[in-house]
């Protein structure tokens, strides 16, 4: 147990400089924008006095390192400033939108795994057969299709056609209901966006699973297990899949952060009031405090997902925590 705790502590310490770097990027991007940040926030019609007053309120008249330390100290306490457009705390705006993005990301992950695991395993076990060829073509299409295009196709083909021809209105065209508010409606409302966002991940994970299973079934321990009379099902799902899934965990962990940060287009297509839609609106409104908060949130999501992957690796493969810290 001590070795596991030490391993987790080491990974947490490695995450600190990454988060500091992400916070600096979120902070400095306001100063990298051409012109005066205060003038950009208020617009060209603002008077010089209004611009100067905003500079004082935001601390832009102070040295850069003082501004960054203040921003970092406030961020640690959960204070990301106030929105220029709505004057609401940025933290409240993000927290209000976050449940929709989390629901979309988790649903997309579930959909992708539900598609990828059986097709990847089946493709590997039936290598060279029709099933394998079909699964690889589907994977190639899934990776190639942009998620916004797939989202539009799903809206037209599934939602509109089902509604007009069969009178089925189970899948809403726009918006999303949280499962905490209405479990049934929430599940139906997330199906199409989750398919649009999770298809590319499903294709990637399917290829990883197929390659991992193909590598493992040719190992000597599989032949030994067969010689002892162990069934093919037990060999596949107890021994082969356990070893083959380790590289897939890395991919899934990295993509979890992507699903949270990359939901911008899908949320816009389906009109979901999540973090992605908030980011788009804030960019057009030049609401820099909100953009800073979202950038910092996405960075934290990526760091957290990587940390989770490292911890899972340590539990599943003792070689990692004993001698693979630098791997």
C-alpha atoms as a PDB file:
ATOM      1  CA  UNK A   1       0.000   0.000   0.000  1.00  0.00           C
ATOM      2  CA  UNK A   2       2.880   2.389   0.746  1.00  0.00           C
ATOM      3  CA  UNK A   3       4.346   1.965  -2.729  1.00  0.00           C
ATOM      4  CA  UNK A   4       0.992   2.857  -4.304  1.00  0.00           C
ATOM      5  CA  UNK A   5       0.700   5.966  -2.116  1.00  0.00           C
ATOM      6  CA  UNK A   6       4.232   7.042  -2.997  1.00  0.00           C
ATOM      7  CA  UNK A   7       3.502   6.535  -6.676  1.00  0.00           C
ATOM      8  CA  UNK A   8       0.343   8.682  -6.495  1.00  0.00           C
ATOM      9  CA  UNK A   9       2.180  11.425  -4.585  1.00  0.00           C
ATOM     10  CA  UNK A  10       4.930  11.506  -7.231  1.00  0.00           C
ATOM     11  CA  UNK A  11       2.368  11.864  -9.996  1.00  0.00           C
ATOM     12  CA  UNK A  12       0.612  14.647  -8.094  1.00  0.00           C
ATOM     13  CA  UNK A  13       3.902  16.500  -7.724  1.00  0.00           C
ATOM     14  CA  UNK A  14       4.553  16.155 -11.461  1.00  0.00           C
ATOM     15  CA  UNK A  15       1.113  17.677 -12.138  1.00  0.00           C
ATOM     16  CA  UNK A  16       1.929  20.891 -10.242  1.00  0.00           C
ATOM     17  CA  UNK A  17       4.323  22.446 -12.831  1.00  0.00           C
ATOM     18  CA  UNK A  18       1.945  21.493 -15.636  1.00  0.00           C
ATOM     19  CA  UNK A  19      -0.920  23.291 -13.930  1.00  0.00           C
ATOM     20  CA  UNK A  20       1.308  26.302 -13.279  1.00  0.00           C
ATOM     21  CA  UNK A  21       2.229  26.397 -16.947  1.00  0.00           C
ATOM     22  CA  UNK A  22      -1.430  26.143 -17.968  1.00  0.00           C
ATOM     23  CA  UNK A  23      -2.386  28.942 -15.584  1.00  0.00           C
ATOM     24  CA  UNK A  24       0.341  31.156 -17.062  1.00  0.00           C
ATOM     25  CA  UNK A  25      -0.898  30.472 -20.602  1.00  0.00           C
ATOM     26  CA  UNK A  26      -4.466  31.321 -19.557  1.00  0.00           C
ATOM     27  CA  UNK A  27      -3.202  34.516 -17.915  1.00  0.00           C
ATOM     28  CA  UNK A  28      -0.824  35.712 -20.631  1.00  0.00           C
ATOM     29  CA  UNK A  29      -3.182  35.245 -23.583  1.00  0.00           C
ATOM     30  CA  UNK A  30      -4.996  38.468 -22.629  1.00  0.00           C
ATOM     31  CA  UNK A  31      -1.718  40.369 -22.867  1.00  0.00           C
ATOM     32  CA  UNK A  32      -0.786  38.716 -26.168  1.00  0.00           C
ATOM     33  CA  UNK A  33      -3.884  40.089 -27.881  1.00  0.00           C
ATOM     34  CA  UNK A  34      -3.105  43.097 -30.106  1.00  0.00           C
ATOM     35  CA  UNK A  35      -3.864  46.413 -28.431  1.00  0.00           C
ATOM     36  CA  UNK A  36      -4.940  47.291 -24.927  1.00  0.00           C
ATOM     37  CA  UNK A  37      -6.899  44.449 -23.229  1.00  0.00           C
ATOM     38  CA  UNK A  38      -9.129  46.978 -21.465  1.00  0.00           C
ATOM     39  CA  UNK A  39      -9.889  48.724 -24.761  1.00  0.00           C
ATOM     40  CA  UNK A  40     -10.651  45.374 -26.405  1.00  0.00           C
ATOM     41  CA  UNK A  41     -13.044  44.488 -23.618  1.00  0.00           C
ATOM     42  CA  UNK A  42     -14.932  47.794 -23.659  1.00  0.00           C
ATOM     43  CA  UNK A  43     -14.841  48.478 -27.385  1.00  0.00           C
ATOM     44  CA  UNK A  44     -13.746  51.462 -29.422  1.00  0.00           C
ATOM     45  CA  UNK A  45     -16.596  53.698 -28.235  1.00  0.00           C
ATOM     46  CA  UNK A  46     -15.461  53.644 -24.611  1.00  0.00           C
ATOM     47  CA  UNK A  47     -13.878  56.805 -23.289  1.00  0.00           C
ATOM     48  CA  UNK A  48     -10.295  57.013 -22.080  1.00  0.00           C
ATOM     49  CA  UNK A  49     -11.540  57.407 -18.500  1.00  0.00           C
ATOM     50  CA  UNK A  50     -13.613  54.213 -18.758  1.00  0.00           C
ATOM     51  CA  UNK A  51     -10.666  52.317 -20.180  1.00  0.00           C
ATOM     52  CA  UNK A  52      -8.366  53.546 -17.420  1.00  0.00           C
ATOM     53  CA  UNK A  53     -10.933  52.662 -14.758  1.00  0.00           C
ATOM     54  CA  UNK A  54     -11.179  49.097 -16.126  1.00  0.00           C
ATOM     55  CA  UNK A  55      -7.387  48.849 -16.211  1.00  0.00           C
ATOM     56  CA  UNK A  56      -7.294  49.740 -12.520  1.00  0.00           C
ATOM     57  CA  UNK A  57     -10.121  47.290 -11.680  1.00  0.00           C
ATOM     58  CA  UNK A  58      -8.355  44.457 -13.516  1.00  0.00           C
ATOM     59  CA  UNK A  59      -4.947  45.404 -12.128  1.00  0.00           C
ATOM     60  CA  UNK A  60      -3.551  45.948 -15.619  1.00  0.00           C
ATOM     61  CA  UNK A  61      -1.619  48.991 -14.393  1.00  0.00           C
ATOM     62  CA  UNK A  62       0.579  46.770 -12.220  1.00  0.00           C
ATOM     63  CA  UNK A  63       3.744  44.890 -13.284  1.00  0.00           C
ATOM     64  CA  UNK A  64       3.101  41.665 -15.159  1.00  0.00           C
ATOM     65  CA  UNK A  65       4.487  39.364 -12.466  1.00  0.00           C
ATOM     66  CA  UNK A  66       2.286  41.061  -9.829  1.00  0.00           C
ATOM     67  CA  UNK A  67      -0.753  40.551 -12.050  1.00  0.00           C
ATOM     68  CA  UNK A  68       0.082  36.883 -12.539  1.00  0.00           C
ATOM     69  CA  UNK A  69       0.595  36.219  -8.841  1.00  0.00           C
ATOM     70  CA  UNK A  70      -2.737  37.880  -8.118  1.00  0.00           C
ATOM     71  CA  UNK A  71      -4.462  35.856 -10.843  1.00  0.00           C
ATOM     72  CA  UNK A  72      -2.894  32.627  -9.561  1.00  0.00           C
ATOM     73  CA  UNK A  73      -3.815  33.337  -5.950  1.00  0.00           C
ATOM     74  CA  UNK A  74      -7.424  34.109  -6.891  1.00  0.00           C
ATOM     75  CA  UNK A  75      -7.648  31.019  -9.139  1.00  0.00           C
ATOM     76  CA  UNK A  76      -6.464  28.748  -6.321  1.00  0.00           C
ATOM     77  CA  UNK A  77      -9.310  30.123  -4.200  1.00  0.00           C
ATOM     78  CA  UNK A  78     -11.816  29.552  -7.007  1.00  0.00           C
ATOM     79  CA  UNK A  79     -12.083  33.211  -7.970  1.00  0.00           C
ATOM     80  CA  UNK A  80     -11.650  33.634 -11.727  1.00  0.00           C
ATOM     81  CA  UNK A  81     -12.889  37.193 -11.871  1.00  0.00           C
ATOM     82  CA  UNK A  82     -16.090  38.601 -13.361  1.00  0.00           C
ATOM     83  CA  UNK A  83     -17.515  38.404 -16.847  1.00  0.00           C
ATOM     84  CA  UNK A  84     -17.172  41.651 -18.782  1.00  0.00           C
ATOM     85  CA  UNK A  85     -20.451  41.031 -20.568  1.00  0.00           C
ATOM     86  CA  UNK A  86     -22.750  39.857 -17.753  1.00  0.00           C
ATOM     87  CA  UNK A  87     -20.779  40.998 -14.674  1.00  0.00           C
ATOM     88  CA  UNK A  88     -21.402  37.574 -13.139  1.00  0.00           C
ATOM     89  CA  UNK A  89     -18.577  35.652 -11.443  1.00  0.00           C
ATOM     90  CA  UNK A  90     -16.779  33.522 -14.023  1.00  0.00           C
ATOM     91  CA  UNK A  91     -16.746  30.573 -11.623  1.00  0.00           C
ATOM     92  CA  UNK A  92     -20.553  30.672 -11.364  1.00  0.00           C
ATOM     93  CA  UNK A  93     -20.917  30.824 -15.153  1.00  0.00           C
ATOM     94  CA  UNK A  94     -18.647  27.806 -15.639  1.00  0.00           C
ATOM     95  CA  UNK A  95     -20.188  25.778 -12.819  1.00  0.00           C
ATOM     96  CA  UNK A  96     -23.658  26.422 -14.242  1.00  0.00           C
ATOM     97  CA  UNK A  97     -22.652  25.116 -17.677  1.00  0.00           C
ATOM     98  CA  UNK A  98     -20.309  22.323 -16.557  1.00  0.00           C
ATOM     99  CA  UNK A  99     -22.962  19.622 -15.843  1.00  0.00           C
ATOM    100  CA  UNK A 100     -24.080  19.672 -19.493  1.00  0.00           C
ATOM    101  CA  UNK A 101     -20.526  19.254 -20.770  1.00  0.00           C
ATOM    102  CA  UNK A 102     -19.760  16.492 -18.271  1.00  0.00           C
ATOM    103  CA  UNK A 103     -22.950  14.646 -19.221  1.00  0.00           C
ATOM    104  CA  UNK A 104     -22.037  14.908 -22.910  1.00  0.00           C
ATOM    105  CA  UNK A 105     -18.420  13.825 -22.336  1.00  0.00           C
ATOM    106  CA  UNK A 106     -19.291  10.830 -20.142  1.00  0.00           C
ATOM    107  CA  UNK A 107     -22.071   9.716 -22.504  1.00  0.00           C
ATOM    108  CA  UNK A 108     -19.714   9.996 -25.490  1.00  0.00           C
ATOM    109  CA  UNK A 109     -17.138   7.898 -23.651  1.00  0.00           C
ATOM    110  CA  UNK A 110     -19.722   5.224 -22.813  1.00  0.00           C
ATOM    111  CA  UNK A 111     -20.976   5.154 -26.409  1.00  0.00           C
ATOM    112  CA  UNK A 112     -17.453   4.894 -27.810  1.00  0.00           C
ATOM    113  CA  UNK A 113     -16.488   2.025 -25.499  1.00  0.00           C
ATOM    114  CA  UNK A 114     -19.763   0.197 -26.167  1.00  0.00           C
ATOM    115  CA  UNK A 115     -18.957   0.318 -29.883  1.00  0.00           C
ATOM    116  CA  UNK A 116     -15.181  -0.157 -29.743  1.00  0.00           C
ATOM    117  CA  UNK A 117     -14.723  -3.049 -27.312  1.00  0.00           C
ATOM    118  CA  UNK A 118     -16.883  -5.707 -29.009  1.00  0.00           C
ATOM    119  CA  UNK A 119     -15.936  -4.674 -32.571  1.00  0.00           C
ATOM    120  CA  UNK A 120     -12.226  -4.508 -31.736  1.00  0.00           C
ATOM    121  CA  UNK A 121     -12.190  -7.907 -30.054  1.00  0.00           C
ATOM    122  CA  UNK A 122     -14.318  -9.484 -32.775  1.00  0.00           C
ATOM    123  CA  UNK A 123     -12.132  -8.002 -35.515  1.00  0.00           C
ATOM    124  CA  UNK A 124      -8.998  -9.431 -33.907  1.00  0.00           C
ATOM    125  CA  UNK A 125     -10.493 -12.889 -33.342  1.00  0.00           C
ATOM    126  CA  UNK A 126     -11.763 -12.979 -36.947  1.00  0.00           C
ATOM    127  CA  UNK A 127      -8.713 -11.449 -38.581  1.00  0.00           C
ATOM    128  CA  UNK A 128      -8.896 -11.429 -42.365  1.00  0.00           C
ATOM    129  CA  UNK A 129     -12.594 -12.310 -42.470  1.00  0.00           C
ATOM    130  CA  UNK A 130     -15.532 -10.175 -43.524  1.00  0.00           C
ATOM    131  CA  UNK A 131     -16.204  -9.040 -39.956  1.00  0.00           C
ATOM    132  CA  UNK A 132     -12.659  -7.760 -39.619  1.00  0.00           C
ATOM    133  CA  UNK A 133     -12.775  -5.879 -42.921  1.00  0.00           C
ATOM    134  CA  UNK A 134     -16.109  -4.254 -42.084  1.00  0.00           C
ATOM    135  CA  UNK A 135     -14.909  -3.156 -38.640  1.00  0.00           C
ATOM    136  CA  UNK A 136     -11.763  -1.593 -40.093  1.00  0.00           C
ATOM    137  CA  UNK A 137     -13.762   0.294 -42.737  1.00  0.00           C
ATOM    138  CA  UNK A 138     -16.126   1.567 -40.050  1.00  0.00           C
ATOM    139  CA  UNK A 139     -13.149   2.654 -37.959  1.00  0.00           C
ATOM    140  CA  UNK A 140     -11.637   4.533 -40.901  1.00  0.00           C
ATOM    141  CA  UNK A 141     -14.938   6.300 -41.558  1.00  0.00           C
ATOM    142  CA  UNK A 142     -15.317   7.169 -37.886  1.00  0.00           C
ATOM    143  CA  UNK A 143     -11.886   8.798 -37.729  1.00  0.00           C
ATOM    144  CA  UNK A 144     -12.359  10.606 -41.060  1.00  0.00           C
ATOM    145  CA  UNK A 145     -15.786  12.158 -40.420  1.00  0.00           C
ATOM    146  CA  UNK A 146     -15.772  15.585 -38.712  1.00  0.00           C
ATOM    147  CA  UNK A 147     -18.018  15.500 -35.648  1.00  0.00           C
ATOM    148  CA  UNK A 148     -19.950  18.624 -36.702  1.00  0.00           C
ATOM    149  CA  UNK A 149     -20.802  17.004 -40.062  1.00  0.00           C
ATOM    150  CA  UNK A 150     -21.846  13.777 -38.386  1.00  0.00           C
ATOM    151  CA  UNK A 151     -23.957  15.795 -35.954  1.00  0.00           C
ATOM    152  CA  UNK A 152     -25.808  17.497 -38.815  1.00  0.00           C
ATOM    153  CA  UNK A 153     -26.329  14.143 -40.549  1.00  0.00           C
ATOM    154  CA  UNK A 154     -27.744  12.656 -37.347  1.00  0.00           C
ATOM    155  CA  UNK A 155     -30.105  15.607 -36.956  1.00  0.00           C
ATOM    156  CA  UNK A 156     -31.379  15.299 -40.539  1.00  0.00           C
ATOM    157  CA  UNK A 157     -31.492  11.520 -40.888  1.00  0.00           C
ATOM    158  CA  UNK A 158     -32.416  10.361 -37.397  1.00  0.00           C
ATOM    159  CA  UNK A 159     -34.335  13.182 -35.773  1.00  0.00           C
ATOM    160  CA  UNK A 160     -36.056  14.827 -38.759  1.00  0.00           C
ATOM    161  CA  UNK A 161     -36.763  11.696 -40.809  1.00  0.00           C
ATOM    162  CA  UNK A 162     -38.023   9.689 -37.844  1.00  0.00           C
ATOM    163  CA  UNK A 163     -40.239  12.575 -36.836  1.00  0.00           C
ATOM    164  CA  UNK A 164     -41.687  13.280 -40.297  1.00  0.00           C
ATOM    165  CA  UNK A 165     -42.154   9.685 -41.487  1.00  0.00           C
ATOM    166  CA  UNK A 166     -42.944   7.745 -38.347  1.00  0.00           C
ATOM    167  CA  UNK A 167     -43.953  10.434 -35.863  1.00  0.00           C
ATOM    168  CA  UNK A 168     -41.125   9.468 -33.499  1.00  0.00           C
ATOM    169  CA  UNK A 169     -39.923  12.482 -31.509  1.00  0.00           C
ATOM    170  CA  UNK A 170     -37.755  10.639 -29.013  1.00  0.00           C
ATOM    171  CA  UNK A 171     -34.552  12.467 -29.946  1.00  0.00           C
ATOM    172  CA  UNK A 172     -34.635  16.250 -29.466  1.00  0.00           C
ATOM    173  CA  UNK A 173     -33.055  18.328 -32.242  1.00  0.00           C
ATOM    174  CA  UNK A 174     -31.593  20.971 -29.964  1.00  0.00           C
ATOM    175  CA  UNK A 175     -30.803  21.385 -26.289  1.00  0.00           C
ATOM    176  CA  UNK A 176     -30.158  18.845 -23.573  1.00  0.00           C
ATOM    177  CA  UNK A 177     -31.892  17.798 -20.384  1.00  0.00           C
ATOM    178  CA  UNK A 178     -29.757  16.784 -17.424  1.00  0.00           C
ATOM    179  CA  UNK A 179     -30.342  13.234 -16.217  1.00  0.00           C
ATOM    180  CA  UNK A 180     -30.473  14.605 -12.678  1.00  0.00           C
ATOM    181  CA  UNK A 181     -33.590  16.564 -13.646  1.00  0.00           C
ATOM    182  CA  UNK A 182     -35.340  13.957 -15.825  1.00  0.00           C
ATOM    183  CA  UNK A 183     -33.493  10.617 -16.270  1.00  0.00           C
ATOM    184  CA  UNK A 184     -35.519   9.386 -19.266  1.00  0.00           C
ATOM    185  CA  UNK A 185     -35.601  12.631 -21.214  1.00  0.00           C
ATOM    186  CA  UNK A 186     -31.996  13.284 -20.296  1.00  0.00           C
ATOM    187  CA  UNK A 187     -30.834   9.973 -21.761  1.00  0.00           C
ATOM    188  CA  UNK A 188     -32.755  10.496 -25.006  1.00  0.00           C
ATOM    189  CA  UNK A 189     -31.520  14.074 -25.374  1.00  0.00           C
ATOM    190  CA  UNK A 190     -27.854  13.038 -25.155  1.00  0.00           C
ATOM    191  CA  UNK A 191     -27.934  10.140 -27.644  1.00  0.00           C
ATOM    192  CA  UNK A 192     -27.342  12.101 -30.857  1.00  0.00           C
ATOM    193  CA  UNK A 193     -24.680  14.478 -29.460  1.00  0.00           C
ATOM    194  CA  UNK A 194     -22.874  11.550 -27.812  1.00  0.00           C
ATOM    195  CA  UNK A 195     -22.820   9.635 -31.096  1.00  0.00           C
ATOM    196  CA  UNK A 196     -21.480  12.688 -32.938  1.00  0.00           C
ATOM    197  CA  UNK A 197     -18.732  13.304 -30.391  1.00  0.00           C
ATOM    198  CA  UNK A 198     -17.890   9.707 -29.499  1.00  0.00           C
ATOM    199  CA  UNK A 199     -17.648   8.148 -32.964  1.00  0.00           C
ATOM    200  CA  UNK A 200     -14.056   9.263 -33.618  1.00  0.00           C
ATOM    201  CA  UNK A 201     -12.983   8.002 -30.188  1.00  0.00           C
ATOM    202  CA  UNK A 202     -14.776   4.698 -30.809  1.00  0.00           C
ATOM    203  CA  UNK A 203     -12.852   4.231 -34.051  1.00  0.00           C
ATOM    204  CA  UNK A 204      -9.535   5.006 -32.362  1.00  0.00           C
ATOM    205  CA  UNK A 205     -10.172   2.719 -29.389  1.00  0.00           C
ATOM    206  CA  UNK A 206     -11.399  -0.068 -31.680  1.00  0.00           C
ATOM    207  CA  UNK A 207      -8.130  -0.023 -33.605  1.00  0.00           C
ATOM    208  CA  UNK A 208      -6.151  -0.018 -30.357  1.00  0.00           C
ATOM    209  CA  UNK A 209      -8.108  -2.965 -28.968  1.00  0.00           C
ATOM    210  CA  UNK A 210      -7.810  -4.918 -32.206  1.00  0.00           C
ATOM    211  CA  UNK A 211      -4.052  -4.388 -32.391  1.00  0.00           C
ATOM    212  CA  UNK A 212      -3.551  -5.214 -28.721  1.00  0.00           C
ATOM    213  CA  UNK A 213      -5.570  -8.427 -28.896  1.00  0.00           C
ATOM    214  CA  UNK A 214      -3.733  -9.510 -32.069  1.00  0.00           C
ATOM    215  CA  UNK A 215      -0.397  -9.017 -30.309  1.00  0.00           C
ATOM    216  CA  UNK A 216      -1.457 -10.909 -27.190  1.00  0.00           C
ATOM    217  CA  UNK A 217      -3.066 -13.944 -28.817  1.00  0.00           C
ATOM    218  CA  UNK A 218       0.287 -14.815 -30.385  1.00  0.00           C
ATOM    219  CA  UNK A 219       2.093 -14.831 -27.023  1.00  0.00           C
ATOM    220  CA  UNK A 220       3.419 -18.049 -25.508  1.00  0.00           C
ATOM    221  CA  UNK A 221       1.169 -17.870 -22.431  1.00  0.00           C
ATOM    222  CA  UNK A 222      -1.894 -18.136 -24.710  1.00  0.00           C
ATOM    223  CA  UNK A 223      -0.563 -21.330 -26.274  1.00  0.00           C
ATOM    224  CA  UNK A 224       0.189 -22.666 -22.806  1.00  0.00           C
ATOM    225  CA  UNK A 225      -3.337 -21.871 -21.640  1.00  0.00           C
ATOM    226  CA  UNK A 226      -4.785 -23.677 -24.634  1.00  0.00           C
ATOM    227  CA  UNK A 227      -2.580 -26.677 -23.911  1.00  0.00           C
ATOM    228  CA  UNK A 228      -4.041 -26.820 -20.402  1.00  0.00           C
ATOM    229  CA  UNK A 229      -7.514 -26.964 -21.900  1.00  0.00           C
ATOM    230  CA  UNK A 230      -8.675 -23.502 -20.865  1.00  0.00           C
ATOM    231  CA  UNK A 231     -11.619 -22.329 -22.987  1.00  0.00           C
ATOM    232  CA  UNK A 232     -11.092 -19.706 -25.696  1.00  0.00           C
ATOM    233  CA  UNK A 233     -13.586 -17.389 -24.020  1.00  0.00           C
ATOM    234  CA  UNK A 234     -11.707 -17.459 -20.729  1.00  0.00           C
ATOM    235  CA  UNK A 235      -8.365 -16.979 -22.488  1.00  0.00           C
ATOM    236  CA  UNK A 236      -9.708 -13.990 -24.417  1.00  0.00           C
ATOM    237  CA  UNK A 237     -11.611 -12.142 -21.715  1.00  0.00           C
ATOM    238  CA  UNK A 238      -9.573 -13.033 -18.634  1.00  0.00           C
ATOM    239  CA  UNK A 239      -5.991 -13.091 -19.883  1.00  0.00           C
ATOM    240  CA  UNK A 240      -5.678 -11.547 -23.348  1.00  0.00           C
ATOM    241  CA  UNK A 241      -8.012  -8.587 -22.859  1.00  0.00           C
ATOM    242  CA  UNK A 242      -6.476  -7.683 -19.497  1.00  0.00           C
ATOM    243  CA  UNK A 243      -3.057  -7.239 -21.093  1.00  0.00           C
ATOM    244  CA  UNK A 244      -4.308  -5.769 -24.367  1.00  0.00           C
ATOM    245  CA  UNK A 245      -6.354  -3.058 -22.696  1.00  0.00           C
ATOM    246  CA  UNK A 246      -3.422  -1.334 -20.965  1.00  0.00           C
ATOM    247  CA  UNK A 247      -2.422   0.844 -23.957  1.00  0.00           C
ATOM    248  CA  UNK A 248      -6.100   1.610 -24.544  1.00  0.00           C
ATOM    249  CA  UNK A 249      -6.394   3.084 -21.057  1.00  0.00           C
ATOM    250  CA  UNK A 250      -3.855   5.723 -22.040  1.00  0.00           C
ATOM    251  CA  UNK A 251      -5.811   6.640 -25.151  1.00  0.00           C
ATOM    252  CA  UNK A 252      -9.132   6.772 -23.310  1.00  0.00           C
ATOM    253  CA  UNK A 253      -7.638   8.857 -20.509  1.00  0.00           C
ATOM    254  CA  UNK A 254      -6.158  11.394 -22.913  1.00  0.00           C
ATOM    255  CA  UNK A 255      -9.361  11.523 -24.937  1.00  0.00           C
ATOM    256  CA  UNK A 256     -11.450  12.175 -21.820  1.00  0.00           C
ATOM    257  CA  UNK A 257      -9.808  15.564 -21.544  1.00  0.00           C
ATOM    258  CA  UNK A 258     -10.359  16.045 -25.274  1.00  0.00           C
ATOM    259  CA  UNK A 259     -14.063  15.235 -24.923  1.00  0.00           C
ATOM    260  CA  UNK A 260     -14.459  17.975 -22.344  1.00  0.00           C
ATOM    261  CA  UNK A 261     -12.411  20.510 -24.254  1.00  0.00           C
ATOM    262  CA  UNK A 262     -13.436  19.412 -27.739  1.00  0.00           C
ATOM    263  CA  UNK A 263     -17.192  19.554 -27.255  1.00  0.00           C
ATOM    264  CA  UNK A 264     -17.300  23.148 -28.543  1.00  0.00           C
ATOM    265  CA  UNK A 265     -18.518  22.313 -32.057  1.00  0.00           C
ATOM    266  CA  UNK A 266     -20.950  19.570 -31.036  1.00  0.00           C
ATOM    267  CA  UNK A 267     -22.508  21.766 -28.358  1.00  0.00           C
ATOM    268  CA  UNK A 268     -22.920  24.529 -30.929  1.00  0.00           C
ATOM    269  CA  UNK A 269     -24.516  22.200 -33.496  1.00  0.00           C
ATOM    270  CA  UNK A 270     -27.010  20.759 -31.005  1.00  0.00           C
ATOM    271  CA  UNK A 271     -27.572  23.970 -29.036  1.00  0.00           C
ATOM    272  CA  UNK A 272     -26.329  22.476 -25.770  1.00  0.00           C
ATOM    273  CA  UNK A 273     -25.762  25.125 -23.069  1.00  0.00           C
ATOM    274  CA  UNK A 274     -22.406  23.723 -21.977  1.00  0.00           C
ATOM    275  CA  UNK A 275     -18.837  24.961 -21.648  1.00  0.00           C
ATOM    276  CA  UNK A 276     -18.272  24.804 -25.414  1.00  0.00           C
ATOM    277  CA  UNK A 277     -21.147  27.114 -26.215  1.00  0.00           C
ATOM    278  CA  UNK A 278     -20.046  29.461 -23.429  1.00  0.00           C
ATOM    279  CA  UNK A 279     -16.553  29.549 -24.946  1.00  0.00           C
ATOM    280  CA  UNK A 280     -17.872  30.438 -28.415  1.00  0.00           C
ATOM    281  CA  UNK A 281     -20.093  33.211 -27.061  1.00  0.00           C
ATOM    282  CA  UNK A 282     -17.256  34.587 -24.929  1.00  0.00           C
ATOM    283  CA  UNK A 283     -14.835  34.634 -27.878  1.00  0.00           C
ATOM    284  CA  UNK A 284     -17.258  36.611 -30.039  1.00  0.00           C
ATOM    285  CA  UNK A 285     -17.964  38.977 -27.139  1.00  0.00           C
ATOM    286  CA  UNK A 286     -14.235  39.302 -26.306  1.00  0.00           C
ATOM    287  CA  UNK A 287     -15.071  38.323 -22.741  1.00  0.00           C
ATOM    288  CA  UNK A 288     -11.486  37.524 -21.747  1.00  0.00           C
ATOM    289  CA  UNK A 289     -12.036  36.574 -18.074  1.00  0.00           C
ATOM    290  CA  UNK A 290     -14.486  33.854 -19.125  1.00  0.00           C
ATOM    291  CA  UNK A 291     -12.118  32.607 -21.834  1.00  0.00           C
ATOM    292  CA  UNK A 292      -9.304  32.485 -19.283  1.00  0.00           C
ATOM    293  CA  UNK A 293     -11.446  30.428 -16.929  1.00  0.00           C
ATOM    294  CA  UNK A 294     -12.428  27.956 -19.643  1.00  0.00           C
ATOM    295  CA  UNK A 295      -8.829  27.530 -20.821  1.00  0.00           C
ATOM    296  CA  UNK A 296      -7.782  26.835 -17.240  1.00  0.00           C
ATOM    297  CA  UNK A 297     -10.642  24.356 -16.797  1.00  0.00           C
ATOM    298  CA  UNK A 298      -9.696  22.423 -19.946  1.00  0.00           C
ATOM    299  CA  UNK A 299      -6.061  22.295 -18.808  1.00  0.00           C
ATOM    300  CA  UNK A 300      -7.121  20.942 -15.414  1.00  0.00           C
ATOM    301  CA  UNK A 301      -9.305  18.336 -17.157  1.00  0.00           C
ATOM    302  CA  UNK A 302      -6.363  17.120 -19.241  1.00  0.00           C
ATOM    303  CA  UNK A 303      -4.036  16.988 -16.223  1.00  0.00           C
ATOM    304  CA  UNK A 304      -6.647  15.165 -14.135  1.00  0.00           C
ATOM    305  CA  UNK A 305      -7.309  12.601 -16.874  1.00  0.00           C
ATOM    306  CA  UNK A 306      -3.572  11.965 -17.287  1.00  0.00           C
ATOM    307  CA  UNK A 307      -3.185  11.588 -13.532  1.00  0.00           C
ATOM    308  CA  UNK A 308      -6.069   9.119 -13.444  1.00  0.00           C
ATOM    309  CA  UNK A 309      -4.435   7.098 -16.229  1.00  0.00           C
ATOM    310  CA  UNK A 310      -1.125   7.022 -14.359  1.00  0.00           C
ATOM    311  CA  UNK A 311      -2.811   5.823 -11.159  1.00  0.00           C
ATOM    312  CA  UNK A 312      -4.773   3.137 -13.018  1.00  0.00           C
ATOM    313  CA  UNK A 313      -1.572   1.985 -14.689  1.00  0.00           C
ATOM    314  CA  UNK A 314       0.069   1.717 -11.298  1.00  0.00           C
ATOM    315  CA  UNK A 315      -2.739  -0.477  -9.998  1.00  0.00           C
ATOM    316  CA  UNK A 316      -3.001  -2.681 -13.088  1.00  0.00           C
ATOM    317  CA  UNK A 317       0.728  -3.107 -13.739  1.00  0.00           C
ATOM    318  CA  UNK A 318       2.989  -3.210 -10.664  1.00  0.00           C
ATOM    319  CA  UNK A 319       6.063  -2.787 -12.890  1.00  0.00           C
ATOM    320  CA  UNK A 320       5.004   0.813 -13.500  1.00  0.00           C
ATOM    321  CA  UNK A 321       4.990   1.885  -9.867  1.00  0.00           C
ATOM    322  CA  UNK A 322       8.097  -0.098  -8.912  1.00  0.00           C
ATOM    323  CA  UNK A 323      10.375   0.722 -11.776  1.00  0.00           C
ATOM    324  CA  UNK A 324       8.470   2.615 -14.457  1.00  0.00           C
ATOM    325  CA  UNK A 325       8.048   6.089 -12.984  1.00  0.00           C
ATOM    326  CA  UNK A 326      10.121   7.496 -15.794  1.00  0.00           C
ATOM    327  CA  UNK A 327       8.312   5.540 -18.482  1.00  0.00           C
END
